PDB file of all heavy atoms in Angstrom:
ATOM      1  N   LYS A   1       0.842  -1.200  -0.019  1.00  0.00           N
ATOM      2  CA  LYS A   1       0.003   0.026  -0.006  1.00  0.00           C
ATOM      3  C   LYS A   1       0.840   1.267   0.010  1.00  0.00           C
ATOM      4  O   LYS A   1       0.511   2.279  -0.598  1.00  0.00           O
ATOM      5  CB  LYS A   1      -0.889  -0.030   1.259  1.00  0.00           C
ATOM      6  CG  LYS A   1      -2.071   0.943   1.127  1.00  0.00           C
ATOM      7  CD  LYS A   1      -2.983   0.751   2.358  1.00  0.00           C
ATOM      8  CE  LYS A   1      -4.364   0.665   1.942  1.00  0.00           C
ATOM      9  NZ  LYS A   1      -5.334   0.470   2.960  1.00  0.00           N
ATOM     10  N   THR A   2       2.009   1.202   0.696  1.00  0.00           N
ATOM     11  CA  THR A   2       2.841   2.379   0.788  1.00  0.00           C
ATOM     12  C   THR A   2       4.044   2.270  -0.173  1.00  0.00           C
ATOM     13  O   THR A   2       4.971   3.028  -0.128  1.00  0.00           O
ATOM     14  CB  THR A   2       3.361   2.587   2.218  1.00  0.00           C
ATOM     15  OG1 THR A   2       4.126   1.400   2.554  1.00  0.00           O
ATOM     16  CG2 THR A   2       2.219   2.831   3.124  1.00  0.00           C
ATOM     17  N   GLY A   3       3.946   1.261  -1.084  1.00  0.00           N
ATOM     18  CA  GLY A   3       5.109   1.040  -2.057  1.00  0.00           C
ATOM     19  C   GLY A   3       5.307   2.222  -2.969  1.00  0.00           C
ATOM     20  O   GLY A   3       4.429   3.032  -3.279  1.00  0.00           O
ATOM     21  N   ALA A   4       6.527   2.315  -3.380  1.00  0.00           N
ATOM     22  CA  ALA A   4       6.906   3.399  -4.304  1.00  0.00           C
ATOM     23  C   ALA A   4       8.205   2.999  -5.089  1.00  0.00           C
ATOM     24  O   ALA A   4       8.790   1.934  -4.807  1.00  0.00           O
ATOM     25  CB  ALA A   4       7.183   4.707  -3.514  1.00  0.00           C
ATOM     26  N   CYS A   5       8.571   3.843  -6.011  1.00  0.00           N
ATOM     27  CA  CYS A   5       9.738   3.589  -6.926  1.00  0.00           C
ATOM     28  C   CYS A   5      10.667   4.737  -6.882  1.00  0.00           C
ATOM     29  O   CYS A   5      10.265   5.899  -6.729  1.00  0.00           O
ATOM     30  CB  CYS A   5       9.245   3.413  -8.283  1.00  0.00           C
ATOM     31  SG  CYS A   5       7.828   2.364  -8.526  1.00  0.00           S
ATOM     32  N   THR A   6      11.939   4.410  -7.002  1.00  0.00           N
ATOM     33  CA  THR A   6      12.959   5.439  -7.164  1.00  0.00           C
ATOM     34  C   THR A   6      13.972   4.940  -8.132  1.00  0.00           C
ATOM     35  O   THR A   6      14.014   3.758  -8.474  1.00  0.00           O
ATOM     36  CB  THR A   6      13.734   5.696  -5.790  1.00  0.00           C
ATOM     37  OG1 THR A   6      14.308   4.412  -5.385  1.00  0.00           O
ATOM     38  CG2 THR A   6      12.803   6.217  -4.751  1.00  0.00           C
ATOM     39  N   LEU A   7      14.747   5.907  -8.733  1.00  0.00           N
ATOM     40  CA  LEU A   7      15.847   5.511  -9.615  1.00  0.00           C
ATOM     41  C   LEU A   7      16.911   4.727  -8.843  1.00  0.00           C
ATOM     42  O   LEU A   7      17.208   5.083  -7.664  1.00  0.00           O
ATOM     43  CB  LEU A   7      16.527   6.724 -10.217  1.00  0.00           C
ATOM     44  CG  LEU A   7      15.694   7.504 -11.216  1.00  0.00           C
ATOM     45  CD1 LEU A   7      16.490   8.703 -11.714  1.00  0.00           C
ATOM     46  CD2 LEU A   7      15.224   6.647 -12.440  1.00  0.00           C
ATOM     47  N   ALA A   8      17.478   3.706  -9.434  1.00  0.00           N
ATOM     48  CA  ALA A   8      18.527   2.935  -8.740  1.00  0.00           C
ATOM     49  C   ALA A   8      19.910   3.582  -8.953  1.00  0.00           C
ATOM     50  O   ALA A   8      20.846   3.249  -8.253  1.00  0.00           O
ATOM     51  CB  ALA A   8      18.539   1.517  -9.270  1.00  0.00           C
ATOM     52  N   LYS A   9      19.987   4.464  -9.925  1.00  0.00           N
ATOM     53  CA  LYS A   9      21.279   5.128 -10.324  1.00  0.00           C
ATOM     54  C   LYS A   9      20.955   6.578 -10.602  1.00  0.00           C
ATOM     55  O   LYS A   9      19.866   6.983 -10.820  1.00  0.00           O
ATOM     56  CB  LYS A   9      21.843   4.533 -11.609  1.00  0.00           C
ATOM     57  CG  LYS A   9      22.115   3.024 -11.587  1.00  0.00           C
ATOM     58  CD  LYS A   9      22.650   2.643 -12.937  1.00  0.00           C
ATOM     59  CE  LYS A   9      22.814   1.144 -13.058  1.00  0.00           C
ATOM     60  NZ  LYS A   9      23.264   0.745 -14.382  1.00  0.00           N
ATOM     61  N   ALA A  10      22.032   7.304 -10.636  1.00  0.00           N
ATOM     62  CA  ALA A  10      21.943   8.737 -10.977  1.00  0.00           C
ATOM     63  C   ALA A  10      21.549   8.825 -12.469  1.00  0.00           C
ATOM     64  O   ALA A  10      21.944   7.992 -13.269  1.00  0.00           O
ATOM     65  CB  ALA A  10      23.232   9.468 -10.757  1.00  0.00           C
ATOM     66  N   PRO A  11      20.737   9.826 -12.862  1.00  0.00           N
ATOM     67  CA  PRO A  11      20.318   9.991 -14.272  1.00  0.00           C
ATOM     68  C   PRO A  11      21.488   9.970 -15.236  1.00  0.00           C
ATOM     69  O   PRO A  11      21.380   9.524 -16.348  1.00  0.00           O
ATOM     70  CB  PRO A  11      19.501  11.272 -14.315  1.00  0.00           C
ATOM     71  CG  PRO A  11      19.031  11.411 -12.908  1.00  0.00           C
ATOM     72  CD  PRO A  11      20.047  10.821 -12.024  1.00  0.00           C
ATOM     73  N   GLU A  12      22.658  10.520 -14.796  1.00  0.00           N
ATOM     74  CA  GLU A  12      23.826  10.557 -15.676  1.00  0.00           C
ATOM     75  C   GLU A  12      24.379   9.156 -15.964  1.00  0.00           C
ATOM     76  O   GLU A  12      25.068   8.992 -16.914  1.00  0.00           O
ATOM     77  CB  GLU A  12      24.976  11.371 -14.994  1.00  0.00           C
ATOM     78  CG  GLU A  12      24.640  12.809 -14.766  1.00  0.00           C
ATOM     79  CD  GLU A  12      23.719  13.029 -13.525  1.00  0.00           C
ATOM     80  OE1 GLU A  12      23.543  12.128 -12.701  1.00  0.00           O
ATOM     81  OE2 GLU A  12      23.273  14.179 -13.447  1.00  0.00           O
ATOM     82  N   GLY A  13      24.070   8.191 -15.132  1.00  0.00           N
ATOM     83  CA  GLY A  13      24.540   6.824 -15.283  1.00  0.00           C
ATOM     84  C   GLY A  13      23.560   5.890 -16.002  1.00  0.00           C
ATOM     85  O   GLY A  13      23.767   4.682 -16.040  1.00  0.00           O
ATOM     86  N   ILE A  14      22.485   6.456 -16.550  1.00  0.00           N
ATOM     87  CA  ILE A  14      21.473   5.614 -17.230  1.00  0.00           C
ATOM     88  C   ILE A  14      21.347   6.130 -18.620  1.00  0.00           C
ATOM     89  O   ILE A  14      20.952   7.283 -18.851  1.00  0.00           O
ATOM     90  CB  ILE A  14      20.075   5.775 -16.490  1.00  0.00           C
ATOM     91  CG1 ILE A  14      20.223   5.259 -15.085  1.00  0.00           C
ATOM     92  CG2 ILE A  14      19.017   4.963 -17.257  1.00  0.00           C
ATOM     93  CD1 ILE A  14      18.924   5.552 -14.182  1.00  0.00           C
ATOM     94  N   THR A  15      21.672   5.309 -19.613  1.00  0.00           N
ATOM     95  CA  THR A  15      21.485   5.701 -20.998  1.00  0.00           C
ATOM     96  C   THR A  15      20.081   5.336 -21.436  1.00  0.00           C
ATOM     97  O   THR A  15      19.413   4.475 -20.910  1.00  0.00           O
ATOM     98  CB  THR A  15      22.539   5.021 -21.944  1.00  0.00           C
ATOM     99  OG1 THR A  15      22.247   3.602 -21.952  1.00  0.00           O
ATOM    100  CG2 THR A  15      23.973   5.270 -21.451  1.00  0.00           C
ATOM    101  N   LEU A  16      19.717   5.956 -22.560  1.00  0.00           N
ATOM    102  CA  LEU A  16      18.444   5.550 -23.174  1.00  0.00           C
ATOM    103  C   LEU A  16      18.464   4.162 -23.712  1.00  0.00           C
ATOM    104  O   LEU A  16      17.485   3.463 -23.691  1.00  0.00           O
ATOM    105  CB  LEU A  16      18.038   6.581 -24.273  1.00  0.00           C
ATOM    106  CG  LEU A  16      17.739   7.950 -23.766  1.00  0.00           C
ATOM    107  CD1 LEU A  16      17.262   8.889 -24.911  1.00  0.00           C
ATOM    108  CD2 LEU A  16      16.755   8.018 -22.645  1.00  0.00           C
ATOM    109  N   LEU A  17      19.677   3.710 -24.054  1.00  0.00           N
ATOM    110  CA  LEU A  17      19.851   2.327 -24.535  1.00  0.00           C
ATOM    111  C   LEU A  17      19.582   1.335 -23.325  1.00  0.00           C
ATOM    112  O   LEU A  17      18.900   0.342 -23.508  1.00  0.00           O
ATOM    113  CB  LEU A  17      21.221   2.077 -25.065  1.00  0.00           C
ATOM    114  CG  LEU A  17      21.494   0.664 -25.621  1.00  0.00           C
ATOM    115  CD1 LEU A  17      20.477   0.260 -26.674  1.00  0.00           C
ATOM    116  CD2 LEU A  17      22.903   0.509 -26.123  1.00  0.00           C
ATOM    117  N   ASP A  18      19.986   1.715 -22.131  1.00  0.00           N
ATOM    118  CA  ASP A  18      19.682   0.932 -20.934  1.00  0.00           C
ATOM    119  C   ASP A  18      18.184   0.799 -20.751  1.00  0.00           C
ATOM    120  O   ASP A  18      17.664  -0.300 -20.492  1.00  0.00           O
ATOM    121  CB  ASP A  18      20.252   1.603 -19.650  1.00  0.00           C
ATOM    122  CG  ASP A  18      21.758   1.634 -19.617  1.00  0.00           C
ATOM    123  OD1 ASP A  18      22.426   0.759 -20.218  1.00  0.00           O
ATOM    124  OD2 ASP A  18      22.265   2.541 -18.968  1.00  0.00           O
ATOM    125  N   ILE A  19      17.485   1.885 -20.938  1.00  0.00           N
ATOM    126  CA  ILE A  19      16.040   1.894 -20.793  1.00  0.00           C
ATOM    127  C   ILE A  19      15.364   1.079 -21.908  1.00  0.00           C
ATOM    128  O   ILE A  19      14.464   0.294 -21.676  1.00  0.00           O
ATOM    129  CB  ILE A  19      15.460   3.311 -20.745  1.00  0.00           C
ATOM    130  CG1 ILE A  19      16.056   4.086 -19.511  1.00  0.00           C
ATOM    131  CG2 ILE A  19      13.944   3.369 -20.706  1.00  0.00           C
ATOM    132  CD1 ILE A  19      15.830   5.596 -19.566  1.00  0.00           C
ATOM    133  N   TYR A  20      15.828   1.276 -23.134  1.00  0.00           N
ATOM    134  CA  TYR A  20      15.302   0.559 -24.317  1.00  0.00           C
ATOM    135  C   TYR A  20      15.433  -0.931 -24.082  1.00  0.00           C
ATOM    136  O   TYR A  20      14.496  -1.698 -24.252  1.00  0.00           O
ATOM    137  CB  TYR A  20      15.985   1.001 -25.569  1.00  0.00           C
ATOM    138  CG  TYR A  20      15.651   0.219 -26.799  1.00  0.00           C
ATOM    139  CD1 TYR A  20      14.360   0.403 -27.407  1.00  0.00           C
ATOM    140  CD2 TYR A  20      16.461  -0.665 -27.327  1.00  0.00           C
ATOM    141  CE1 TYR A  20      14.050  -0.340 -28.528  1.00  0.00           C
ATOM    142  CE2 TYR A  20      16.179  -1.389 -28.481  1.00  0.00           C
ATOM    143  CZ  TYR A  20      14.945  -1.213 -29.061  1.00  0.00           C
ATOM    144  OH  TYR A  20      14.566  -1.898 -30.193  1.00  0.00           O
ATOM    145  N   ARG A  21      16.630  -1.372 -23.712  1.00  0.00           N
ATOM    146  CA  ARG A  21      16.867  -2.832 -23.522  1.00  0.00           C
ATOM    147  C   ARG A  21      16.037  -3.368 -22.341  1.00  0.00           C
ATOM    148  O   ARG A  21      15.470  -4.448 -22.393  1.00  0.00           O
ATOM    149  CB  ARG A  21      18.374  -3.077 -23.323  1.00  0.00           C
ATOM    150  CG  ARG A  21      19.123  -2.916 -24.598  1.00  0.00           C
ATOM    151  CD  ARG A  21      20.513  -3.258 -24.442  1.00  0.00           C
ATOM    152  NE  ARG A  21      21.286  -3.238 -25.756  1.00  0.00           N
ATOM    153  CZ  ARG A  21      22.569  -3.102 -25.862  1.00  0.00           C
ATOM    154  NH1 ARG A  21      23.341  -2.988 -24.828  1.00  0.00           N
ATOM    155  NH2 ARG A  21      23.050  -3.085 -27.066  1.00  0.00           N
ATOM    156  N   ALA A  22      15.977  -2.595 -21.271  1.00  0.00           N
ATOM    157  CA  ALA A  22      15.180  -3.025 -20.136  1.00  0.00           C
ATOM    158  C   ALA A  22      13.674  -3.154 -20.457  1.00  0.00           C
ATOM    159  O   ALA A  22      13.002  -4.090 -19.972  1.00  0.00           O
ATOM    160  CB  ALA A  22      15.351  -2.061 -18.995  1.00  0.00           C
ATOM    161  N   SER A  23      13.203  -2.295 -21.324  1.00  0.00           N
ATOM    162  CA  SER A  23      11.781  -2.333 -21.676  1.00  0.00           C
ATOM    163  C   SER A  23      11.374  -3.554 -22.510  1.00  0.00           C
ATOM    164  O   SER A  23      10.212  -3.833 -22.615  1.00  0.00           O
ATOM    165  CB  SER A  23      11.392  -1.058 -22.467  1.00  0.00           C
ATOM    166  OG  SER A  23      11.890  -1.088 -23.795  1.00  0.00           O
ATOM    167  N   ALA A  24      12.380  -4.180 -23.067  1.00  0.00           N
ATOM    168  CA  ALA A  24      12.149  -5.441 -23.924  1.00  0.00           C
ATOM    169  C   ALA A  24      11.283  -5.055 -25.079  1.00  0.00           C
ATOM    170  O   ALA A  24      10.474  -5.935 -25.569  1.00  0.00           O
ATOM    171  CB  ALA A  24      11.566  -6.576 -23.087  1.00  0.00           C
ATOM    172  N   ALA A  25      11.363  -3.859 -25.558  1.00  0.00           N
ATOM    173  CA  ALA A  25      10.594  -3.480 -26.775  1.00  0.00           C
ATOM    174  C   ALA A  25      11.198  -4.248 -27.983  1.00  0.00           C
ATOM    175  O   ALA A  25      12.360  -4.529 -28.033  1.00  0.00           O
ATOM    176  CB  ALA A  25      10.749  -1.972 -26.972  1.00  0.00           C
ATOM    177  N   PRO A  26      10.348  -4.559 -28.901  1.00  0.00           N
ATOM    178  CA  PRO A  26      10.829  -5.221 -30.096  1.00  0.00           C
ATOM    179  C   PRO A  26      11.714  -4.272 -30.965  1.00  0.00           C
ATOM    180  O   PRO A  26      11.740  -3.079 -30.734  1.00  0.00           O
ATOM    181  CB  PRO A  26       9.534  -5.608 -30.886  1.00  0.00           C
ATOM    182  CG  PRO A  26       8.512  -4.645 -30.361  1.00  0.00           C
ATOM    183  CD  PRO A  26       8.886  -4.311 -29.019  1.00  0.00           C
ATOM    184  N   ALA A  27      12.406  -4.873 -31.885  1.00  0.00           N
ATOM    185  CA  ALA A  27      13.254  -4.059 -32.784  1.00  0.00           C
ATOM    186  C   ALA A  27      12.452  -2.991 -33.443  1.00  0.00           C
ATOM    187  O   ALA A  27      11.276  -3.200 -33.693  1.00  0.00           O
ATOM    188  CB  ALA A  27      13.925  -5.025 -33.828  1.00  0.00           C
ATOM    189  N   THR A  28      13.101  -1.924 -33.767  1.00  0.00           N
ATOM    190  CA  THR A  28      12.356  -0.740 -34.370  1.00  0.00           C
ATOM    191  C   THR A  28      11.850  -1.094 -35.784  1.00  0.00           C
ATOM    192  O   THR A  28      10.814  -0.567 -36.174  1.00  0.00           O
ATOM    193  CB  THR A  28      13.294   0.484 -34.464  1.00  0.00           C
ATOM    194  OG1 THR A  28      14.469   0.139 -35.167  1.00  0.00           O
ATOM    195  CG2 THR A  28      13.609   0.970 -33.110  1.00  0.00           C
ATOM    196  N   CYS A  29      12.556  -1.882 -36.507  1.00  0.00           N
ATOM    197  CA  CYS A  29      12.117  -2.346 -37.839  1.00  0.00           C
ATOM    198  C   CYS A  29      12.228  -3.836 -37.982  1.00  0.00           C
ATOM    199  O   CYS A  29      13.163  -4.432 -37.459  1.00  0.00           O
ATOM    200  CB  CYS A  29      13.045  -1.739 -38.914  1.00  0.00           C
ATOM    201  SG  CYS A  29      12.977   0.044 -39.024  1.00  0.00           S
ATOM    202  N   ALA A  30      11.245  -4.473 -38.590  1.00  0.00           N
ATOM    203  CA  ALA A  30      11.237  -5.881 -38.802  1.00  0.00           C
ATOM    204  C   ALA A  30      10.517  -6.245 -40.092  1.00  0.00           C
ATOM    205  O   ALA A  30       9.629  -5.504 -40.513  1.00  0.00           O
ATOM    206  CB  ALA A  30      10.583  -6.527 -37.602  1.00  0.00           C
ATOM    207  N   MET A  31      10.883  -7.312 -40.688  1.00  0.00           N
ATOM    208  CA  MET A  31      10.215  -7.812 -41.842  1.00  0.00           C
ATOM    209  C   MET A  31       8.852  -8.362 -41.401  1.00  0.00           C
ATOM    210  O   MET A  31       8.779  -8.973 -40.331  1.00  0.00           O
ATOM    211  CB  MET A  31      11.019  -8.933 -42.516  1.00  0.00           C
ATOM    212  CG  MET A  31      12.205  -8.420 -43.257  1.00  0.00           C
ATOM    213  SD  MET A  31      11.823  -7.400 -44.698  1.00  0.00           S
ATOM    214  CE  MET A  31      10.932  -8.508 -45.694  1.00  0.00           C
TER     215      MET A  31
END
């Protein structure tokens, strides 16, 4: 009930690639 989220690292230490890979989104282009 009181749960919450925080960043595990400083924003400078997180790349957008880290986020992309973590999201498990499919490849941007596919046949």
